[in-house]
C-alpha atoms as a PDB file:
ATOM      1  CA  MET A   1     101.245 105.358  71.913  1.00  0.00           C
ATOM      2  CA  ALA A   2      97.731 106.730  72.113  1.00  0.00           C
ATOM      3  CA  GLU A   3      96.195 110.073  71.241  1.00  0.00           C
ATOM      4  CA  TYR A   4      93.855 111.987  73.531  1.00  0.00           C
ATOM      5  CA  LEU A   5      91.508 114.837  72.602  1.00  0.00           C
ATOM      6  CA  PHE A   6      89.595 116.704  75.304  1.00  0.00           C
ATOM      7  CA  GLU A   7      86.937 119.288  74.509  1.00  0.00           C
ATOM      8  CA  LEU A   8      85.131 121.161  77.262  1.00  0.00           C
ATOM      9  CA  LEU A   9      81.970 123.040  76.297  1.00  0.00           C
ATOM     10  CA  THR A  10      81.295 126.057  78.493  1.00  0.00           C
ATOM     11  CA  GLU A  11      79.302 129.232  78.750  1.00  0.00           C
ATOM     12  CA  GLU A  12      80.809 132.314  77.131  1.00  0.00           C
ATOM     13  CA  ILE A  13      84.493 132.698  78.077  1.00  0.00           C
ATOM     14  CA  PRO A  14      85.589 136.347  78.123  1.00  0.00           C
ATOM     15  CA  ALA A  15      88.298 137.167  75.564  1.00  0.00           C
ATOM     16  CA  TRP A  16      90.710 138.406  78.239  1.00  0.00           C
ATOM     17  CA  MET A  17      90.731 134.914  79.861  1.00  0.00           C
ATOM     18  CA  HIS A  18      91.740 132.895  76.784  1.00  0.00           C
ATOM     19  CA  ASP A  19      95.511 133.439  76.902  1.00  0.00           C
ATOM     20  CA  ALA A  20      95.722 132.816  80.651  1.00  0.00           C
ATOM     21  CA  ALA A  21      93.620 129.649  80.346  1.00  0.00           C
ATOM     22  CA  GLN A  22      95.788 128.291  77.540  1.00  0.00           C
ATOM     23  CA  ASN A  23      99.042 129.023  79.387  1.00  0.00           C
ATOM     24  CA  THR A  24      97.783 127.504  82.637  1.00  0.00           C
ATOM     25  CA  LEU A  25      96.570 124.382  80.862  1.00  0.00           C
ATOM     26  CA  ARG A  26      99.903 123.988  79.055  1.00  0.00           C
ATOM     27  CA  GLU A  27     101.730 124.230  82.399  1.00  0.00           C
ATOM     28  CA  LYS A  28      99.471 121.627  84.040  1.00  0.00           C
ATOM     29  CA  LEU A  29      99.810 119.232  81.087  1.00  0.00           C
ATOM     30  CA  ALA A  30     103.585 119.655  80.664  1.00  0.00           C
ATOM     31  CA  ALA A  31     104.190 116.310  82.366  1.00  0.00           C
ATOM     32  CA  PHE A  32     102.566 114.574  79.369  1.00  0.00           C
ATOM     33  CA  GLY A  33     105.092 115.906  76.838  1.00  0.00           C
ATOM     34  CA  ASP A  34     106.132 118.946  74.856  1.00  0.00           C
ATOM     35  CA  ASN A  35     103.907 118.597  71.798  1.00  0.00           C
ATOM     36  CA  ILE A  36     100.601 119.585  73.434  1.00  0.00           C
ATOM     37  CA  THR A  37      98.032 121.553  71.452  1.00  0.00           C
ATOM     38  CA  VAL A  38      95.815 123.859  73.507  1.00  0.00           C
ATOM     39  CA  THR A  39      93.214 126.120  71.944  1.00  0.00           C
ATOM     40  CA  THR A  40      90.171 128.049  73.094  1.00  0.00           C
ATOM     41  CA  THR A  41      87.096 129.542  71.501  1.00  0.00           C
ATOM     42  CA  PRO A  42      84.419 131.660  73.170  1.00  0.00           C
ATOM     43  CA  ARG A  43      82.563 128.479  74.193  1.00  0.00           C
ATOM     44  CA  ARG A  44      85.244 125.763  74.161  1.00  0.00           C
ATOM     45  CA  ILE A  45      88.521 124.765  75.728  1.00  0.00           C
ATOM     46  CA  ILE A  46      90.334 122.063  73.776  1.00  0.00           C
ATOM     47  CA  PHE A  47      93.606 120.218  74.286  1.00  0.00           C
ATOM     48  CA  PHE A  48      95.225 117.411  72.335  1.00  0.00           C
ATOM     49  CA  LEU A  49      97.906 115.023  73.622  1.00  0.00           C
ATOM     50  CA  PRO A  50      99.449 113.261  70.585  1.00  0.00           C
ATOM     51  CA  LYS A  51     101.792 110.823  72.334  1.00  0.00           C
ATOM     52  CA  LEU A  52     100.164 109.524  75.473  1.00  0.00           C
ATOM     53  CA  ALA A  53     101.380 106.277  77.027  1.00  0.00           C
ATOM     54  CA  ASP A  54      99.022 103.326  76.535  1.00  0.00           C
ATOM     55  CA  ARG A  55      99.096 102.521  80.229  1.00  0.00           C
ATOM     56  CA  GLU A  56     100.408 103.923  83.450  1.00  0.00           C
ATOM     57  CA  THR A  57     103.344 102.296  85.194  1.00  0.00           C
ATOM     58  CA  ASP A  58     102.479 100.024  88.106  1.00  0.00           C
ATOM     59  CA  ARG A  59     102.780 101.445  91.581  1.00  0.00           C
ATOM     60  CA  VAL A  60     102.697 100.069  95.095  1.00  0.00           C
ATOM     61  CA  GLN A  61     100.531 101.758  97.680  1.00  0.00           C
ATOM     62  CA  GLU A  62     100.673 101.011 101.391  1.00  0.00           C
ATOM     63  CA  VAL A  63      97.574 101.969 103.339  1.00  0.00           C
ATOM     64  CA  LYS A  64      97.882 102.253 107.090  1.00  0.00           C
ATOM     65  CA  GLY A  65      94.978 101.579 109.384  1.00  0.00           C
ATOM     66  CA  PRO A  66      94.295 102.266 113.030  1.00  0.00           C
ATOM     67  CA  PRO A  67      96.556 101.024 115.833  1.00  0.00           C
ATOM     68  CA  ARG A  68      96.294  97.303 116.584  1.00  0.00           C
ATOM     69  CA  LYS A  69      94.630  97.937 119.943  1.00  0.00           C
ATOM     70  CA  ALA A  70      91.754  99.730 118.202  1.00  0.00           C
ATOM     71  CA  ALA A  71      91.647  97.450 115.150  1.00  0.00           C
ATOM     72  CA  TYR A  72      91.194  94.079 116.905  1.00  0.00           C
ATOM     73  CA  ASP A  73      89.091  92.943 119.840  1.00  0.00           C
ATOM     74  CA  ASP A  74      90.302  90.793 122.757  1.00  0.00           C
ATOM     75  CA  ASN A  75      89.908  87.576 120.720  1.00  0.00           C
ATOM     76  CA  GLY A  76      92.033  88.864 117.841  1.00  0.00           C
ATOM     77  CA  ASN A  77      89.080  89.457 115.516  1.00  0.00           C
ATOM     78  CA  PRO A  78      88.880  92.706 113.520  1.00  0.00           C
ATOM     79  CA  THR A  79      86.439  95.303 114.840  1.00  0.00           C
ATOM     80  CA  GLN A  80      83.493  96.332 112.639  1.00  0.00           C
ATOM     81  CA  PRO A  81      85.049  99.491 111.109  1.00  0.00           C
ATOM     82  CA  VAL A  82      88.282  97.679 110.320  1.00  0.00           C
ATOM     83  CA  ALA A  83      86.439  94.695 108.823  1.00  0.00           C
ATOM     84  CA  ALA A  84      84.510  97.025 106.490  1.00  0.00           C
ATOM     85  CA  ARG A  85      87.725  98.779 105.442  1.00  0.00           C
ATOM     86  CA  MET A  86      89.438  95.438 104.807  1.00  0.00           C
ATOM     87  CA  ARG A  87      86.515  94.329 102.599  1.00  0.00           C
ATOM     88  CA  SER A  88      86.784  97.479 100.493  1.00  0.00           C
ATOM     89  CA  PHE A  89      90.518  96.948  99.941  1.00  0.00           C
ATOM     90  CA  GLU A  90      89.987  93.254  99.249  1.00  0.00           C
ATOM     91  CA  SER A  91      87.668  94.047  96.343  1.00  0.00           C
ATOM     92  CA  ALA A  92      90.182  96.582  95.015  1.00  0.00           C
ATOM     93  CA  CYS A  93      92.917  93.942  95.198  1.00  0.00           C
ATOM     94  CA  ARG A  94      90.811  91.462  93.257  1.00  0.00           C
ATOM     95  CA  ARG A  95      90.469  93.983  90.429  1.00  0.00           C
ATOM     96  CA  SER A  96      94.226  94.478  90.241  1.00  0.00           C
ATOM     97  CA  SER A  97      97.297  92.328  90.556  1.00  0.00           C
ATOM     98  CA  ARG A  98      98.340  93.889  93.871  1.00  0.00           C
ATOM     99  CA  ARG A  99      99.348  91.760  96.816  1.00  0.00           C
ATOM    100  CA  CYS A 100      97.091  92.413  99.767  1.00  0.00           C
ATOM    101  CA  ALA A 101      97.980  90.907 103.090  1.00  0.00           C
ATOM    102  CA  GLY A 102      96.322  91.508 106.412  1.00  0.00           C
ATOM    103  CA  ARG A 103      98.642  92.136 109.330  1.00  0.00           C
ATOM    104  CA  ARG A 104      98.023  91.219 112.921  1.00  0.00           C
END
């Protein structure tokens, strides 16, 4: 497990906003556990997550493109916009262990 400390330096925060900011931040960070420390000062908002997972669980993401008629020309080759989009996903797949397969 890892620890995470976040400190945001700001301009002067009015006193009447401190409680609302802390409560809202606790609500938004509730998914990370119960033992979250949130504090504010006139120029800072700070939160501490003591038991944060070392890594996120793997997930599969399917990205849909345009219809086949618009994606490929008469010879079956990808059109320019689709080829550019495929290149961007190809580089993302190289950086991860995802399986990327082009469909025709």
